[in-house]
Amino acid sequence: MTGPARDGARIACPPRRQDSPPRHWPHENAQSFGPYDSTVPTARAHTKVVLAEWGLAHMAAAAELVLSELVTNALQATWRFGLDTPVTVRLLADRSWLVLEIWDGVQAAPELRESDIAIELDDDQSDEHGNGLVIVATMCHRWGFFRRPEGGKVVYAIFAL
């Protein structure tokens, strides 16, 4: 993860000067999904449609890949802790940035395990070793997470446009 984890309810966004006004996102969309096996493909399809509507279809492949990894992680955490809470996908964009935010009901921080980086690509077990965050870190400008005061956490990925 780039930078220290910070707690608090806020929108993930690129850094801004302290004296600048709060960030306005001309494009904003949020959708919640139940913790089901069909959530990842449904969230991908939703994201693809929204990005096309916003004129960002050229970002769909990268955004869908990162979204798939983050939603999969959110679902796995939700199931592991025996929760039945939804996973919420929030998309934000302006002329310079695209932000994906994935909220789940689990407080536990996402883990980028260093050992996963060294896994051989031809290893049949590689899909089971948590390479998702390595993919996220590789594909986007920045990623991270913050905890929500009402519970759970938001993992975000930021893409430069």
N, C-alpha and C. Protein backbone atom coordinates (compact mmCIF):
# COMPACT_ATOMS: atom_id res chain seq x y z
N MET A 1 0.85 -1.16 0.00
CA MET A 1 0.00 0.00 0.00
C MET A 1 0.90 1.23 0.00
N THR A 2 0.49 2.22 -0.73
CA THR A 2 1.28 3.44 -0.75
C THR A 2 0.79 4.37 0.34
N GLY A 3 1.69 4.79 1.18
CA GLY A 3 1.34 5.71 2.25
C GLY A 3 0.70 5.02 3.43
N PRO A 4 0.66 5.70 4.56
CA PRO A 4 0.09 5.12 5.76
C PRO A 4 -1.43 5.03 5.67
N ALA A 5 -1.99 4.04 6.34
CA ALA A 5 -3.44 3.92 6.41
C ALA A 5 -3.97 5.01 7.32
N ARG A 6 -5.08 5.60 6.93
CA ARG A 6 -5.71 6.64 7.73
C ARG A 6 -7.15 6.26 7.98
N ASP A 7 -7.64 6.56 9.18
CA ASP A 7 -9.02 6.28 9.52
C ASP A 7 -9.87 7.53 9.29
N GLY A 8 -11.16 7.32 9.06
CA GLY A 8 -12.08 8.43 8.93
C GLY A 8 -12.96 8.29 7.72
N ALA A 9 -14.10 8.95 7.77
CA ALA A 9 -15.04 8.91 6.65
C ALA A 9 -14.69 10.03 5.69
N ARG A 10 -14.23 9.69 4.52
CA ARG A 10 -13.89 10.70 3.53
C ARG A 10 -13.85 10.02 2.17
N ILE A 11 -13.75 10.83 1.18
CA ILE A 11 -13.62 10.32 -0.18
C ILE A 11 -12.15 10.17 -0.48
N ALA A 12 -11.79 9.05 -1.07
CA ALA A 12 -10.41 8.86 -1.52
C ALA A 12 -10.19 9.78 -2.71
N CYS A 13 -9.12 10.51 -2.70
CA CYS A 13 -8.83 11.39 -3.83
C CYS A 13 -7.36 11.74 -3.86
N PRO A 14 -6.91 12.23 -4.97
CA PRO A 14 -5.53 12.67 -5.06
C PRO A 14 -5.26 13.78 -4.05
N PRO A 15 -4.02 13.94 -3.63
CA PRO A 15 -3.72 14.98 -2.66
C PRO A 15 -4.09 16.36 -3.19
N ARG A 16 -4.48 17.24 -2.29
CA ARG A 16 -4.79 18.61 -2.67
C ARG A 16 -4.18 19.54 -1.63
N ARG A 17 -4.01 20.78 -2.01
CA ARG A 17 -3.47 21.75 -1.06
C ARG A 17 -4.44 21.91 0.10
N GLN A 18 -3.91 22.18 1.27
CA GLN A 18 -4.73 22.32 2.47
C GLN A 18 -5.74 23.46 2.34
N ASP A 19 -5.40 24.53 1.61
CA ASP A 19 -6.30 25.67 1.54
C ASP A 19 -7.28 25.59 0.37
N SER A 20 -7.25 24.50 -0.40
CA SER A 20 -8.17 24.39 -1.52
C SER A 20 -9.54 23.90 -1.03
N PRO A 21 -10.59 24.23 -1.76
CA PRO A 21 -11.93 23.82 -1.34
C PRO A 21 -12.10 22.30 -1.47
N PRO A 22 -13.12 21.75 -0.83
CA PRO A 22 -13.35 20.31 -0.96
C PRO A 22 -13.50 19.93 -2.42
N ARG A 23 -13.06 18.74 -2.75
CA ARG A 23 -13.08 18.26 -4.12
C ARG A 23 -14.51 18.03 -4.59
N HIS A 24 -14.82 18.50 -5.79
CA HIS A 24 -16.12 18.26 -6.41
C HIS A 24 -15.93 17.23 -7.53
N TRP A 25 -16.72 16.20 -7.51
CA TRP A 25 -16.65 15.16 -8.54
C TRP A 25 -17.83 15.35 -9.49
N PRO A 26 -17.57 15.73 -10.74
CA PRO A 26 -18.68 15.89 -11.68
C PRO A 26 -19.39 14.58 -12.00
N HIS A 27 -18.68 13.47 -11.83
CA HIS A 27 -19.28 12.16 -12.05
C HIS A 27 -19.18 11.36 -10.77
N GLU A 28 -20.32 10.85 -10.32
CA GLU A 28 -20.36 10.07 -9.09
C GLU A 28 -21.46 9.04 -9.19
N ASN A 29 -21.16 7.81 -8.80
CA ASN A 29 -22.14 6.73 -8.84
C ASN A 29 -21.83 5.76 -7.72
N ALA A 30 -22.85 5.27 -7.05
CA ALA A 30 -22.67 4.25 -6.01
C ALA A 30 -23.73 3.18 -6.19
N GLN A 31 -23.32 1.94 -5.98
CA GLN A 31 -24.23 0.81 -6.09
C GLN A 31 -23.83 -0.24 -5.07
N SER A 32 -24.80 -0.76 -4.34
CA SER A 32 -24.53 -1.83 -3.37
C SER A 32 -24.94 -3.16 -3.95
N PHE A 33 -24.19 -4.18 -3.57
CA PHE A 33 -24.43 -5.54 -4.05
C PHE A 33 -24.44 -6.48 -2.85
N GLY A 34 -25.31 -7.46 -2.88
CA GLY A 34 -25.33 -8.46 -1.82
C GLY A 34 -24.07 -9.30 -1.86
N PRO A 35 -23.75 -9.99 -0.77
CA PRO A 35 -22.52 -10.81 -0.72
C PRO A 35 -22.73 -12.17 -1.38
N TYR A 36 -22.90 -12.15 -2.69
CA TYR A 36 -23.22 -13.36 -3.45
C TYR A 36 -22.12 -13.68 -4.44
N ASP A 37 -22.14 -14.90 -4.93
CA ASP A 37 -21.17 -15.33 -5.94
C ASP A 37 -21.28 -14.48 -7.22
N SER A 38 -22.47 -13.97 -7.50
CA SER A 38 -22.68 -13.19 -8.72
C SER A 38 -22.26 -11.73 -8.59
N THR A 39 -21.79 -11.32 -7.43
CA THR A 39 -21.47 -9.91 -7.20
C THR A 39 -20.34 -9.40 -8.09
N VAL A 40 -19.27 -10.15 -8.24
CA VAL A 40 -18.13 -9.66 -9.02
C VAL A 40 -18.51 -9.41 -10.48
N PRO A 41 -19.11 -10.37 -11.19
CA PRO A 41 -19.46 -10.06 -12.58
C PRO A 41 -20.52 -8.97 -12.70
N THR A 42 -21.43 -8.89 -11.74
CA THR A 42 -22.46 -7.85 -11.79
C THR A 42 -21.83 -6.48 -11.57
N ALA A 43 -20.91 -6.36 -10.61
CA ALA A 43 -20.22 -5.10 -10.36
C ALA A 43 -19.36 -4.68 -11.56
N ARG A 44 -18.73 -5.66 -12.21
CA ARG A 44 -17.94 -5.36 -13.40
C ARG A 44 -18.82 -4.78 -14.51
N ALA A 45 -19.95 -5.44 -14.75
CA ALA A 45 -20.86 -4.98 -15.80
C ALA A 45 -21.38 -3.58 -15.48
N HIS A 46 -21.75 -3.34 -14.24
CA HIS A 46 -22.23 -2.03 -13.82
C HIS A 46 -21.15 -0.96 -14.07
N THR A 47 -19.92 -1.26 -13.68
CA THR A 47 -18.81 -0.32 -13.85
C THR A 47 -18.58 -0.02 -15.33
N LYS A 48 -18.61 -1.03 -16.16
CA LYS A 48 -18.40 -0.85 -17.59
C LYS A 48 -19.44 0.08 -18.19
N VAL A 49 -20.69 -0.10 -17.81
CA VAL A 49 -21.78 0.73 -18.32
C VAL A 49 -21.61 2.18 -17.83
N VAL A 50 -21.34 2.35 -16.56
CA VAL A 50 -21.19 3.70 -16.00
C VAL A 50 -20.03 4.44 -16.67
N LEU A 51 -18.89 3.77 -16.81
CA LEU A 51 -17.73 4.42 -17.45
C LEU A 51 -18.04 4.80 -18.89
N ALA A 52 -18.76 3.96 -19.61
CA ALA A 52 -19.15 4.30 -20.98
C ALA A 52 -20.05 5.53 -21.00
N GLU A 53 -20.99 5.60 -20.07
CA GLU A 53 -21.89 6.76 -19.98
C GLU A 53 -21.11 8.04 -19.71
N TRP A 54 -20.03 7.93 -18.96
CA TRP A 54 -19.22 9.09 -18.61
C TRP A 54 -18.18 9.43 -19.67
N GLY A 55 -18.13 8.68 -20.76
CA GLY A 55 -17.13 8.90 -21.80
C GLY A 55 -15.76 8.37 -21.42
N LEU A 56 -15.73 7.40 -20.51
CA LEU A 56 -14.46 6.83 -20.05
C LEU A 56 -14.35 5.34 -20.41
N ALA A 57 -14.95 4.96 -21.51
CA ALA A 57 -14.92 3.55 -21.92
C ALA A 57 -13.48 3.05 -22.09
N HIS A 58 -12.56 3.95 -22.44
CA HIS A 58 -11.16 3.56 -22.61
C HIS A 58 -10.52 3.11 -21.28
N MET A 59 -11.14 3.42 -20.17
CA MET A 59 -10.63 3.02 -18.85
C MET A 59 -11.28 1.74 -18.34
N ALA A 60 -12.26 1.22 -19.06
CA ALA A 60 -13.07 0.11 -18.56
C ALA A 60 -12.25 -1.14 -18.26
N ALA A 61 -11.35 -1.54 -19.14
CA ALA A 61 -10.60 -2.79 -18.93
C ALA A 61 -9.77 -2.73 -17.65
N ALA A 62 -9.02 -1.67 -17.47
CA ALA A 62 -8.19 -1.54 -16.27
C ALA A 62 -9.05 -1.41 -15.02
N ALA A 63 -10.11 -0.61 -15.10
CA ALA A 63 -10.99 -0.42 -13.95
C ALA A 63 -11.69 -1.72 -13.57
N GLU A 64 -12.15 -2.47 -14.56
CA GLU A 64 -12.83 -3.73 -14.28
C GLU A 64 -11.89 -4.74 -13.63
N LEU A 65 -10.65 -4.79 -14.08
CA LEU A 65 -9.69 -5.72 -13.49
C LEU A 65 -9.44 -5.38 -12.02
N VAL A 66 -9.17 -4.12 -11.74
CA VAL A 66 -8.91 -3.68 -10.37
C VAL A 66 -10.17 -3.86 -9.52
N LEU A 67 -11.31 -3.48 -10.05
CA LEU A 67 -12.57 -3.65 -9.34
C LEU A 67 -12.81 -5.12 -9.00
N SER A 68 -12.55 -6.00 -9.94
CA SER A 68 -12.73 -7.44 -9.69
C SER A 68 -11.90 -7.91 -8.50
N GLU A 69 -10.65 -7.47 -8.46
CA GLU A 69 -9.77 -7.88 -7.36
C GLU A 69 -10.26 -7.33 -6.03
N LEU A 70 -10.64 -6.05 -6.01
CA LEU A 70 -11.07 -5.43 -4.76
C LEU A 70 -12.41 -5.97 -4.28
N VAL A 71 -13.35 -6.19 -5.18
CA VAL A 71 -14.65 -6.75 -4.79
C VAL A 71 -14.48 -8.20 -4.32
N THR A 72 -13.63 -8.95 -5.00
CA THR A 72 -13.35 -10.33 -4.56
C THR A 72 -12.78 -10.32 -3.14
N ASN A 73 -11.82 -9.45 -2.87
CA ASN A 73 -11.26 -9.35 -1.52
C ASN A 73 -12.33 -8.97 -0.50
N ALA A 74 -13.19 -8.02 -0.86
CA ALA A 74 -14.26 -7.59 0.05
C ALA A 74 -15.21 -8.74 0.35
N LEU A 75 -15.57 -9.49 -0.67
CA LEU A 75 -16.46 -10.64 -0.48
C LEU A 75 -15.81 -11.71 0.39
N GLN A 76 -14.55 -12.01 0.11
CA GLN A 76 -13.86 -13.03 0.90
C GLN A 76 -13.77 -12.62 2.37
N ALA A 77 -13.50 -11.34 2.63
CA ALA A 77 -13.45 -10.87 4.02
C ALA A 77 -14.83 -10.96 4.66
N THR A 78 -15.84 -10.57 3.93
CA THR A 78 -17.22 -10.63 4.44
C THR A 78 -17.59 -12.05 4.80
N TRP A 79 -17.31 -12.99 3.92
CA TRP A 79 -17.64 -14.40 4.18
C TRP A 79 -16.80 -14.95 5.33
N ARG A 80 -15.51 -14.61 5.36
CA ARG A 80 -14.62 -15.12 6.39
C ARG A 80 -15.09 -14.72 7.79
N PHE A 81 -15.64 -13.52 7.92
CA PHE A 81 -16.12 -13.04 9.21
C PHE A 81 -17.60 -13.36 9.44
N GLY A 82 -18.19 -14.13 8.53
CA GLY A 82 -19.58 -14.57 8.70
C GLY A 82 -20.60 -13.45 8.63
N LEU A 83 -20.29 -12.39 7.89
CA LEU A 83 -21.20 -11.26 7.76
C LEU A 83 -22.12 -11.43 6.56
N ASP A 84 -23.22 -10.72 6.60
CA ASP A 84 -24.17 -10.72 5.48
C ASP A 84 -24.36 -9.29 4.98
N THR A 85 -23.34 -8.47 5.14
CA THR A 85 -23.42 -7.06 4.76
C THR A 85 -23.14 -6.89 3.27
N PRO A 86 -23.70 -5.85 2.67
CA PRO A 86 -23.46 -5.62 1.25
C PRO A 86 -22.03 -5.13 0.99
N VAL A 87 -21.64 -5.21 -0.25
CA VAL A 87 -20.41 -4.61 -0.74
C VAL A 87 -20.86 -3.45 -1.62
N THR A 88 -20.35 -2.27 -1.34
CA THR A 88 -20.75 -1.09 -2.10
C THR A 88 -19.60 -0.62 -2.97
N VAL A 89 -19.92 -0.38 -4.22
CA VAL A 89 -18.96 0.13 -5.20
C VAL A 89 -19.32 1.59 -5.47
N ARG A 90 -18.34 2.45 -5.32
CA ARG A 90 -18.55 3.87 -5.61
C ARG A 90 -17.53 4.29 -6.66
N LEU A 91 -18.00 4.94 -7.70
CA LEU A 91 -17.16 5.42 -8.79
C LEU A 91 -17.20 6.95 -8.79
N LEU A 92 -16.04 7.56 -8.92
CA LEU A 92 -15.92 9.02 -8.95
C LEU A 92 -14.98 9.39 -10.09
N ALA A 93 -15.28 10.46 -10.79
CA ALA A 93 -14.38 10.88 -11.87
C ALA A 93 -14.51 12.37 -12.13
N ASP A 94 -13.40 12.93 -12.57
CA ASP A 94 -13.37 14.28 -13.13
C ASP A 94 -12.48 14.20 -14.37
N ARG A 95 -11.99 15.32 -14.83
CA ARG A 95 -11.18 15.29 -16.06
C ARG A 95 -9.81 14.67 -15.86
N SER A 96 -9.35 14.56 -14.62
CA SER A 96 -8.00 14.08 -14.36
C SER A 96 -7.92 12.72 -13.68
N TRP A 97 -8.95 12.35 -12.93
CA TRP A 97 -8.87 11.17 -12.09
C TRP A 97 -10.12 10.31 -12.17
N LEU A 98 -9.92 9.00 -12.03
CA LEU A 98 -11.00 8.04 -11.83
C LEU A 98 -10.70 7.34 -10.51
N VAL A 99 -11.68 7.30 -9.62
CA VAL A 99 -11.51 6.68 -8.31
C VAL A 99 -12.54 5.56 -8.17
N LEU A 100 -12.07 4.39 -7.76
CA LEU A 100 -12.93 3.27 -7.39
C LEU A 100 -12.86 3.13 -5.88
N GLU A 101 -14.01 3.07 -5.22
CA GLU A 101 -14.06 2.81 -3.80
C GLU A 101 -14.92 1.58 -3.56
N ILE A 102 -14.40 0.65 -2.76
CA ILE A 102 -15.12 -0.57 -2.44
C ILE A 102 -15.28 -0.63 -0.93
N TRP A 103 -16.52 -0.58 -0.46
CA TRP A 103 -16.80 -0.65 0.97
C TRP A 103 -17.28 -2.05 1.33
N ASP A 104 -16.75 -2.58 2.44
CA ASP A 104 -17.29 -3.80 3.03
C ASP A 104 -17.41 -3.59 4.53
N GLY A 105 -18.08 -4.49 5.20
CA GLY A 105 -18.37 -4.35 6.62
C GLY A 105 -17.28 -4.83 7.55
N VAL A 106 -16.12 -5.17 7.03
CA VAL A 106 -15.03 -5.74 7.84
C VAL A 106 -14.00 -4.65 8.15
N GLN A 107 -13.62 -4.53 9.41
CA GLN A 107 -12.63 -3.53 9.82
C GLN A 107 -11.19 -3.91 9.44
N ALA A 108 -10.92 -5.19 9.29
CA ALA A 108 -9.55 -5.67 9.04
C ALA A 108 -8.96 -5.02 7.78
N ALA A 109 -7.70 -4.63 7.90
CA ALA A 109 -7.00 -3.98 6.78
C ALA A 109 -6.69 -4.98 5.68
N PRO A 110 -6.70 -4.53 4.43
CA PRO A 110 -6.25 -5.40 3.34
C PRO A 110 -4.75 -5.64 3.49
N GLU A 111 -4.29 -6.81 3.09
CA GLU A 111 -2.88 -7.15 3.24
C GLU A 111 -2.24 -7.43 1.90
N LEU A 112 -1.17 -6.71 1.62
CA LEU A 112 -0.32 -7.00 0.47
C LEU A 112 0.83 -7.82 1.01
N ARG A 113 0.79 -9.12 0.73
CA ARG A 113 1.81 -10.01 1.27
C ARG A 113 2.99 -10.06 0.33
N GLU A 114 4.15 -9.70 0.85
CA GLU A 114 5.37 -9.64 0.04
C GLU A 114 5.68 -10.98 -0.61
N SER A 115 5.38 -12.07 0.07
CA SER A 115 5.68 -13.40 -0.50
C SER A 115 4.88 -13.66 -1.76
N ASP A 116 3.72 -13.02 -1.90
CA ASP A 116 2.89 -13.23 -3.07
C ASP A 116 3.52 -12.64 -4.33
N ILE A 117 4.36 -11.65 -4.17
CA ILE A 117 4.98 -11.02 -5.33
C ILE A 117 5.92 -11.99 -6.04
N ALA A 118 6.51 -12.92 -5.30
CA ALA A 118 7.51 -13.83 -5.86
C ALA A 118 6.91 -15.11 -6.44
N ILE A 119 5.61 -15.29 -6.38
CA ILE A 119 4.99 -16.52 -6.89
C ILE A 119 5.18 -16.61 -8.39
N GLU A 120 5.57 -17.77 -8.84
CA GLU A 120 5.77 -18.00 -10.27
C GLU A 120 4.44 -17.97 -11.00
N LEU A 121 4.41 -17.37 -12.18
CA LEU A 121 3.17 -17.28 -12.92
C LEU A 121 2.68 -18.63 -13.42
N ASP A 122 3.57 -19.59 -13.60
CA ASP A 122 3.14 -20.89 -14.10
C ASP A 122 2.72 -21.83 -12.96
N ASP A 123 2.72 -21.36 -11.75
CA ASP A 123 2.28 -22.14 -10.59
C ASP A 123 0.77 -22.29 -10.65
N ASP A 124 0.28 -23.53 -10.67
CA ASP A 124 -1.15 -23.79 -10.74
C ASP A 124 -1.90 -23.22 -9.55
N GLN A 125 -1.24 -22.99 -8.44
CA GLN A 125 -1.88 -22.47 -7.25
C GLN A 125 -1.83 -20.95 -7.16
N SER A 126 -1.28 -20.25 -8.15
CA SER A 126 -1.06 -18.81 -8.03
C SER A 126 -2.34 -18.02 -7.80
N ASP A 127 -3.48 -18.48 -8.32
CA ASP A 127 -4.73 -17.76 -8.13
C ASP A 127 -5.21 -17.80 -6.69
N GLU A 128 -4.67 -18.70 -5.89
CA GLU A 128 -5.13 -18.86 -4.52
C GLU A 128 -4.23 -18.17 -3.52
N HIS A 129 -3.27 -17.39 -3.96
CA HIS A 129 -2.27 -16.83 -3.05
C HIS A 129 -2.40 -15.33 -2.82
N GLY A 130 -3.52 -14.73 -3.17
CA GLY A 130 -3.72 -13.33 -2.85
C GLY A 130 -2.94 -12.36 -3.70
N ASN A 131 -2.80 -12.63 -4.98
CA ASN A 131 -2.08 -11.71 -5.86
C ASN A 131 -2.91 -10.50 -6.26
N GLY A 132 -4.15 -10.44 -5.82
CA GLY A 132 -5.04 -9.35 -6.23
C GLY A 132 -4.50 -7.98 -5.92
N LEU A 133 -3.95 -7.77 -4.74
CA LEU A 133 -3.45 -6.45 -4.39
C LEU A 133 -2.16 -6.10 -5.13
N VAL A 134 -1.42 -7.10 -5.54
CA VAL A 134 -0.25 -6.84 -6.39
C VAL A 134 -0.73 -6.31 -7.74
N ILE A 135 -1.79 -6.90 -8.26
CA ILE A 135 -2.37 -6.43 -9.52
C ILE A 135 -2.89 -5.02 -9.35
N VAL A 136 -3.60 -4.76 -8.26
CA VAL A 136 -4.14 -3.42 -8.00
C VAL A 136 -3.01 -2.41 -7.94
N ALA A 137 -1.96 -2.71 -7.19
CA ALA A 137 -0.83 -1.78 -7.03
C ALA A 137 -0.15 -1.51 -8.37
N THR A 138 -0.14 -2.49 -9.23
CA THR A 138 0.51 -2.36 -10.54
C THR A 138 -0.34 -1.54 -11.52
N MET A 139 -1.65 -1.70 -11.44
CA MET A 139 -2.54 -1.12 -12.45
C MET A 139 -2.93 0.34 -12.19
N CYS A 140 -2.92 0.77 -10.95
CA CYS A 140 -3.45 2.11 -10.68
C CYS A 140 -2.35 3.07 -10.21
N HIS A 141 -2.69 4.34 -10.18
CA HIS A 141 -1.77 5.39 -9.75
C HIS A 141 -1.46 5.26 -8.26
N ARG A 142 -2.50 5.00 -7.49
CA ARG A 142 -2.36 4.85 -6.04
C ARG A 142 -3.54 4.05 -5.51
N TRP A 143 -3.32 3.34 -4.42
CA TRP A 143 -4.41 2.65 -3.75
C TRP A 143 -4.19 2.72 -2.25
N GLY A 144 -5.22 2.43 -1.51
CA GLY A 144 -5.12 2.44 -0.06
C GLY A 144 -6.46 2.10 0.56
N PHE A 145 -6.59 2.39 1.84
CA PHE A 145 -7.86 2.14 2.50
C PHE A 145 -8.03 3.09 3.67
N PHE A 146 -9.27 3.20 4.12
CA PHE A 146 -9.57 3.91 5.36
C PHE A 146 -10.76 3.22 6.01
N ARG A 147 -10.81 3.33 7.32
CA ARG A 147 -11.92 2.74 8.07
C ARG A 147 -13.05 3.76 8.17
N ARG A 148 -14.27 3.25 8.17
CA ARG A 148 -15.45 4.09 8.29
C ARG A 148 -15.91 4.14 9.74
N PRO A 149 -16.29 5.30 10.27
CA PRO A 149 -16.76 5.38 11.66
C PRO A 149 -17.98 4.51 11.91
N GLU A 150 -18.82 4.35 10.90
CA GLU A 150 -20.01 3.51 11.06
C GLU A 150 -19.72 2.02 10.90
N GLY A 151 -18.47 1.69 10.66
CA GLY A 151 -18.06 0.29 10.55
C GLY A 151 -17.54 -0.05 9.17
N GLY A 152 -16.70 -1.03 9.13
CA GLY A 152 -16.14 -1.49 7.87
C GLY A 152 -15.00 -0.60 7.40
N LYS A 153 -14.65 -0.82 6.15
CA LYS A 153 -13.55 -0.07 5.55
C LYS A 153 -13.85 0.19 4.09
N VAL A 154 -13.15 1.14 3.53
CA VAL A 154 -13.20 1.44 2.11
C VAL A 154 -11.81 1.24 1.56
N VAL A 155 -11.69 0.40 0.55
CA VAL A 155 -10.44 0.23 -0.18
C VAL A 155 -10.63 1.00 -1.50
N TYR A 156 -9.64 1.82 -1.84
CA TYR A 156 -9.79 2.64 -3.03
C TYR A 156 -8.61 2.44 -3.98
N ALA A 157 -8.89 2.72 -5.24
CA ALA A 157 -7.86 2.71 -6.28
C ALA A 157 -8.07 3.96 -7.11
N ILE A 158 -6.99 4.66 -7.39
CA ILE A 158 -7.04 5.92 -8.14
C ILE A 158 -6.27 5.76 -9.44
N PHE A 159 -6.92 6.14 -10.52
CA PHE A 159 -6.32 6.10 -11.86
C PHE A 159 -6.17 7.51 -12.39
N ALA A 160 -5.02 7.82 -12.95
CA ALA A 160 -4.84 9.09 -13.66
C ALA A 160 -5.44 8.93 -15.04
N LEU A 161 -6.17 9.92 -15.50
CA LEU A 161 -6.79 9.86 -16.83
C LEU A 161 -5.93 10.58 -17.86
